[in-house]
Amino acid sequence: MTLKTLEAMWKKSSHYETENARSLWNGRVRTFAQKQLPTLEENPFLQLIQRRVPLHSQITALDVGCGTGIYSLALASEIGLVEGCDVADQMIAIANQQAAQLKLDNARFHCLDWQTVDIDALGYRRRFDIVFAHMTPAVDDFVTLDKMVSCAKQHCFLRKTTRRKDQILDHALSLLEVSRNGDPDTDPMEYLFSYLWQKGFEPHFHYERGSMGGEQSIEEMLRWVMGWARQHHDVSPSNEALVREYLESIAVDGILCECIDTTYVTVDWSVRL
């Protein structure tokens, strides 16, 4: 598959809108705000970064789809500058607040949509030694991956879930004839490898299987489901009523217990050809 063919095939849904994405992820801010700051001593993703690019005061990094910025903040004390960006303004507010509390003035966070941003206008092209995207849909098509690569001088790191089974979300979206990853007949991991290989990179793939869970109210889960659905097509009041009926049928005292099984994939590659 050529890069030109891949670019034509690997695209976000035409229904994608920045404000819908912002609303979707702002709705998860409570969950993200509870996440603990990772450490180089214990976190495998940070340890991988350190092995590939020895960290020192001259290193710069870009965190794409940073959420509340916990990985940026963990790196900030080891390098010269880290910038994080995310579409969710409430996430960015928390990231900047934490940077101030930790007195990390070399950690900077910006609210922007990676899908639509002009990296040249920002001065990001080939600016950062390290560019990474950790568990975010901000990098999930040709355009967003190409921007990520174009910002890096040394190395890129991408961590995502694949073969993910989310019993509640998947079934709710199927009621609306929506797949969480868009076209159910395509595999984003195949596209990812094709892009990197055609670019001449030699990516390393690291796998681990795991599960996670949590509790949400019916209203929280309904907003989550409908937010995902709006990324792919228009939704109507009857759509929302159908999903609500399903969620109410499986809730216990108004609470839904999520159970998610997935394979985590971490991909890293040098951009030095």
Protein backbone atom coordinates (compact mmCIF):
# COMPACT_ATOMS: atom_id res chain seq x y z
CA MET A 1 0.00 0.00 0.00
CA THR A 2 1.48 3.36 -1.03
CA LEU A 3 1.39 6.41 1.21
CA LYS A 4 -0.95 8.12 -1.24
CA THR A 5 -3.39 5.23 -1.10
CA LEU A 6 -3.12 5.06 2.68
CA GLU A 7 -3.82 8.78 3.03
CA ALA A 8 -6.98 8.39 0.95
CA MET A 9 -8.21 5.43 3.02
CA TRP A 10 -7.17 6.25 6.60
CA LYS A 11 -9.30 9.22 7.59
CA LYS A 12 -11.47 10.37 10.44
CA SER A 13 -15.21 10.27 9.94
CA SER A 14 -16.61 13.22 8.01
CA HIS A 15 -18.84 13.84 11.06
CA TYR A 16 -15.85 14.68 13.25
CA GLU A 17 -16.12 18.12 14.86
CA THR A 18 -13.77 19.76 17.34
CA GLU A 19 -16.52 20.88 19.70
CA ASN A 20 -18.00 17.38 19.90
CA ALA A 21 -14.55 15.95 20.67
CA ARG A 22 -13.97 18.63 23.30
CA SER A 23 -17.31 17.91 24.96
CA LEU A 24 -16.65 14.15 24.90
CA TRP A 25 -13.31 14.41 26.70
CA ASN A 26 -14.29 17.20 29.06
CA GLY A 27 -16.94 14.75 30.22
CA ARG A 28 -14.16 12.44 31.44
CA VAL A 29 -12.19 15.07 33.30
CA ARG A 30 -13.20 13.74 36.73
CA THR A 31 -11.71 10.33 35.93
CA PHE A 32 -8.51 11.76 34.46
CA ALA A 33 -8.01 14.17 37.36
CA GLN A 34 -7.72 11.18 39.71
CA LYS A 35 -4.79 9.62 37.85
CA GLN A 36 -1.51 9.53 39.75
CA LEU A 37 1.68 11.05 38.37
CA PRO A 38 3.84 8.23 36.90
CA THR A 39 7.52 7.94 37.77
CA LEU A 40 10.62 6.93 35.82
CA GLU A 41 11.40 4.40 38.53
CA GLU A 42 8.15 2.46 38.04
CA ASN A 43 6.52 3.32 34.71
CA PRO A 44 7.49 1.13 31.70
CA PHE A 45 6.48 3.75 29.12
CA LEU A 46 8.74 6.40 30.66
CA GLN A 47 11.52 3.84 31.03
CA LEU A 48 11.25 3.03 27.33
CA ILE A 49 11.58 6.72 26.46
CA GLN A 50 14.67 6.99 28.64
CA ARG A 51 16.27 3.93 27.01
CA ARG A 52 15.72 5.22 23.49
CA VAL A 53 16.62 8.87 24.14
CA PRO A 54 18.84 9.51 27.16
CA LEU A 55 17.22 12.34 29.08
CA HIS A 56 19.07 15.54 29.96
CA SER A 57 18.49 19.28 30.23
CA GLN A 58 18.75 19.92 26.48
CA ILE A 59 16.04 17.46 25.47
CA THR A 60 12.64 18.75 24.37
CA ALA A 61 9.39 16.77 24.16
CA LEU A 62 5.87 17.12 22.81
CA ASP A 63 2.96 15.23 24.39
CA VAL A 64 0.09 14.91 21.87
CA GLY A 65 -3.34 14.39 23.42
CA CYS A 66 -1.85 14.93 26.85
CA GLY A 67 -5.07 14.90 28.90
CA THR A 68 -4.23 16.26 32.33
CA GLY A 69 -0.53 16.16 31.46
CA ILE A 70 0.72 13.55 33.88
CA TYR A 71 3.33 12.12 31.50
CA SER A 72 4.57 15.58 30.56
CA LEU A 73 4.87 16.51 34.21
CA ALA A 74 6.77 13.30 34.98
CA LEU A 75 9.31 14.13 32.25
CA ALA A 76 9.62 17.83 33.03
CA SER A 77 12.08 17.38 35.89
CA GLU A 78 14.37 15.31 33.63
CA ILE A 79 14.49 17.44 30.45
CA GLY A 80 14.66 21.04 29.30
CA LEU A 81 11.15 21.60 27.94
CA VAL A 82 7.93 19.65 27.46
CA GLU A 83 4.79 20.92 25.77
CA GLY A 84 1.46 19.17 25.94
CA CYS A 85 -1.68 19.70 23.89
CA ASP A 86 -5.22 18.40 24.12
CA VAL A 87 -8.62 19.24 22.65
CA ALA A 88 -10.25 19.28 26.12
CA ASP A 89 -9.83 22.70 27.73
CA GLN A 90 -10.77 21.39 31.18
CA MET A 91 -7.99 18.82 30.99
CA ILE A 92 -5.51 21.51 29.99
CA ALA A 93 -6.62 23.70 32.89
CA ILE A 94 -5.79 20.89 35.32
CA ALA A 95 -2.43 20.26 33.63
CA ASN A 96 -1.40 23.91 33.92
CA GLN A 97 -2.60 24.00 37.52
CA GLN A 98 -0.50 20.96 38.42
CA ALA A 99 2.55 22.39 36.65
CA ALA A 100 2.21 25.55 38.75
CA GLN A 101 1.77 23.57 41.97
CA LEU A 102 4.87 21.49 41.19
CA LYS A 103 6.81 24.62 40.15
CA LEU A 104 7.58 23.12 36.74
CA ASP A 105 7.79 26.22 34.57
CA ASN A 106 9.30 24.16 31.73
CA ALA A 107 6.02 22.25 31.30
CA ARG A 108 3.56 24.13 29.08
CA PHE A 109 0.08 23.05 28.05
CA HIS A 110 -2.14 24.25 25.22
CA CYS A 111 -5.74 23.61 24.24
CA LEU A 112 -5.83 22.69 20.55
CA ASP A 113 -7.22 20.03 18.25
CA TRP A 114 -4.40 17.94 16.79
CA GLN A 115 -6.64 16.99 13.88
CA THR A 116 -6.96 20.57 12.62
CA VAL A 117 -3.89 22.35 14.02
CA ASP A 118 -1.26 23.87 11.71
CA ILE A 119 2.08 22.65 13.07
CA ASP A 120 4.00 25.14 10.95
CA ALA A 121 2.03 28.07 12.38
CA LEU A 122 2.96 26.81 15.85
CA GLY A 123 6.62 26.35 14.89
CA TYR A 124 6.42 22.66 15.80
CA ARG A 125 7.91 21.10 12.66
CA ARG A 126 11.12 19.21 13.59
CA ARG A 127 11.19 21.12 16.87
CA PHE A 128 11.09 18.34 19.47
CA ASP A 129 13.58 15.59 20.22
CA ILE A 130 10.80 13.35 21.52
CA VAL A 131 7.17 13.28 20.42
CA PHE A 132 4.78 10.91 22.16
CA ALA A 133 1.08 10.12 22.34
CA HIS A 134 -0.03 7.98 25.27
CA MET A 135 -3.48 6.36 25.23
CA THR A 136 -5.18 9.05 23.18
CA PRO A 137 -7.37 9.14 20.06
CA ALA A 138 -5.62 12.36 19.07
CA VAL A 139 -3.34 10.28 16.81
CA ASP A 140 -5.55 7.82 14.96
CA ASP A 141 -5.45 8.53 11.23
CA PHE A 142 -2.99 9.46 8.47
CA VAL A 143 -3.12 13.22 9.07
CA THR A 144 -2.59 13.09 12.82
CA LEU A 145 0.18 10.51 12.64
CA ASP A 146 1.95 12.42 9.87
CA LYS A 147 1.88 15.59 11.99
CA MET A 148 3.27 13.68 14.95
CA VAL A 149 6.20 12.37 12.90
CA SER A 150 6.82 15.80 11.35
CA CYS A 151 7.34 17.37 14.77
CA ALA A 152 10.08 14.95 15.85
CA LYS A 153 13.85 15.27 15.54
CA GLN A 154 14.85 12.00 17.19
CA HIS A 155 12.18 9.55 18.30
CA CYS A 156 8.42 8.95 18.48
CA PHE A 157 6.43 6.88 20.96
CA LEU A 158 2.78 5.83 20.60
CA ARG A 159 0.76 3.76 23.07
CA LYS A 160 -2.75 2.62 22.19
CA THR A 161 -5.29 -0.10 22.85
CA THR A 162 -6.27 -2.62 20.22
CA ARG A 163 -8.55 -5.64 20.13
CA ARG A 164 -10.42 -3.81 22.87
CA LYS A 165 -13.67 -5.27 24.18
CA ASP A 166 -15.75 -2.82 26.15
CA GLN A 167 -18.97 -4.69 26.85
CA ILE A 168 -21.17 -1.72 27.64
CA LEU A 169 -19.83 0.86 25.19
CA ASP A 170 -19.49 -1.59 22.30
CA HIS A 171 -23.03 -2.91 22.66
CA ALA A 172 -24.52 0.56 23.11
CA LEU A 173 -22.78 1.79 19.95
CA SER A 174 -23.88 -1.29 18.03
CA LEU A 175 -27.48 -0.30 18.75
CA LEU A 176 -26.70 2.86 16.77
CA GLU A 177 -24.78 0.93 14.08
CA VAL A 178 -21.52 2.62 15.11
CA SER A 179 -18.07 1.08 15.66
CA ARG A 180 -15.83 2.84 18.18
CA ASN A 181 -12.92 2.70 15.73
CA GLY A 182 -14.94 3.74 12.69
CA ASP A 183 -15.03 1.24 9.83
CA PRO A 184 -15.29 -2.23 11.45
CA ASP A 185 -13.66 -3.83 8.39
CA THR A 186 -10.38 -1.94 8.82
CA ASP A 187 -7.65 -2.37 11.42
CA PRO A 188 -5.87 0.86 12.48
CA MET A 189 -2.81 -1.16 13.52
CA GLU A 190 -2.37 -2.36 9.94
CA TYR A 191 -2.55 1.23 8.72
CA LEU A 192 -0.09 2.35 11.40
CA PHE A 193 2.48 -0.24 10.37
CA SER A 194 1.97 0.52 6.67
CA TYR A 195 2.60 4.22 7.23
CA LEU A 196 5.76 3.70 9.26
CA TRP A 197 7.16 1.06 6.91
CA GLN A 198 6.46 3.10 3.78
CA LYS A 199 8.20 6.06 5.43
CA GLY A 200 11.32 3.95 5.83
CA PHE A 201 11.12 3.66 9.63
CA GLU A 202 11.79 0.45 11.58
CA PRO A 203 9.19 0.46 14.35
CA HIS A 204 9.39 -1.61 17.52
CA PHE A 205 6.10 -3.08 18.78
CA HIS A 206 5.58 -4.03 22.42
CA TYR A 207 2.42 -5.84 23.58
CA GLU A 208 0.71 -6.53 26.86
CA ARG A 209 -2.77 -7.76 27.69
CA GLY A 210 -4.82 -6.31 30.47
CA SER A 211 -8.20 -5.34 31.77
CA MET A 212 -9.65 -2.34 33.50
CA GLY A 213 -12.94 -1.34 34.99
CA GLY A 214 -14.83 1.30 36.86
CA GLU A 215 -18.23 2.60 37.78
CA GLN A 216 -20.33 5.25 36.07
CA SER A 217 -23.83 6.57 36.48
CA ILE A 218 -26.35 6.06 33.71
CA GLU A 219 -26.11 9.75 32.77
CA GLU A 220 -22.30 9.66 32.61
CA MET A 221 -22.30 6.57 30.42
CA LEU A 222 -25.06 7.96 28.22
CA ARG A 223 -23.01 11.11 27.55
CA TRP A 224 -19.96 8.93 26.83
CA VAL A 225 -21.82 6.72 24.34
CA MET A 226 -23.55 9.58 22.56
CA GLY A 227 -20.29 11.52 22.40
CA TRP A 228 -18.62 8.63 20.59
CA ALA A 229 -21.60 8.21 18.29
CA ARG A 230 -21.50 11.88 17.27
CA GLN A 231 -17.96 11.37 16.01
CA HIS A 232 -19.37 9.12 13.29
CA HIS A 233 -22.89 10.24 12.39
CA ASP A 234 -25.80 12.42 13.42
CA VAL A 235 -27.79 11.26 16.42
CA SER A 236 -31.43 11.86 17.22
CA PRO A 237 -33.55 11.92 20.39
CA SER A 238 -34.79 8.43 19.47
CA ASN A 239 -31.16 7.23 19.32
CA GLU A 240 -30.54 8.60 22.79
CA ALA A 241 -33.75 7.03 24.12
CA LEU A 242 -32.70 3.63 22.73
CA VAL A 243 -29.33 3.79 24.45
CA ARG A 244 -30.84 5.02 27.71
CA GLU A 245 -33.27 2.09 27.72
CA TYR A 246 -30.37 -0.34 27.31
CA LEU A 247 -28.27 1.28 30.05
CA GLU A 248 -31.19 1.32 32.48
CA SER A 249 -31.80 -2.37 31.82
CA ILE A 250 -28.29 -3.36 32.98
CA ALA A 251 -27.70 -0.78 35.74
CA VAL A 252 -27.78 -1.73 39.40
CA ASP A 253 -29.15 1.05 41.57
CA GLY A 254 -28.40 3.49 38.75
CA ILE A 255 -24.73 2.44 38.49
CA LEU A 256 -22.99 0.68 35.61
CA CYS A 257 -19.89 -1.44 36.15
CA GLU A 258 -17.55 -1.29 33.17
CA CYS A 259 -15.35 -4.23 32.25
CA ILE A 260 -12.81 -3.67 29.47
CA ASP A 261 -10.40 -6.27 28.11
CA THR A 262 -7.74 -5.05 25.73
CA THR A 263 -4.31 -5.49 24.25
CA TYR A 264 -2.03 -2.53 24.85
CA VAL A 265 0.43 -1.76 22.07
CA THR A 266 3.41 0.55 22.48
CA VAL A 267 5.15 1.49 19.24
CA ASP A 268 8.40 3.43 19.05
CA TRP A 269 10.55 4.41 16.10
CA SER A 270 13.50 6.61 15.29
CA VAL A 271 12.88 9.38 12.76
CA ARG A 272 16.59 9.60 11.96
CA LEU A 273 16.82 7.96 8.54
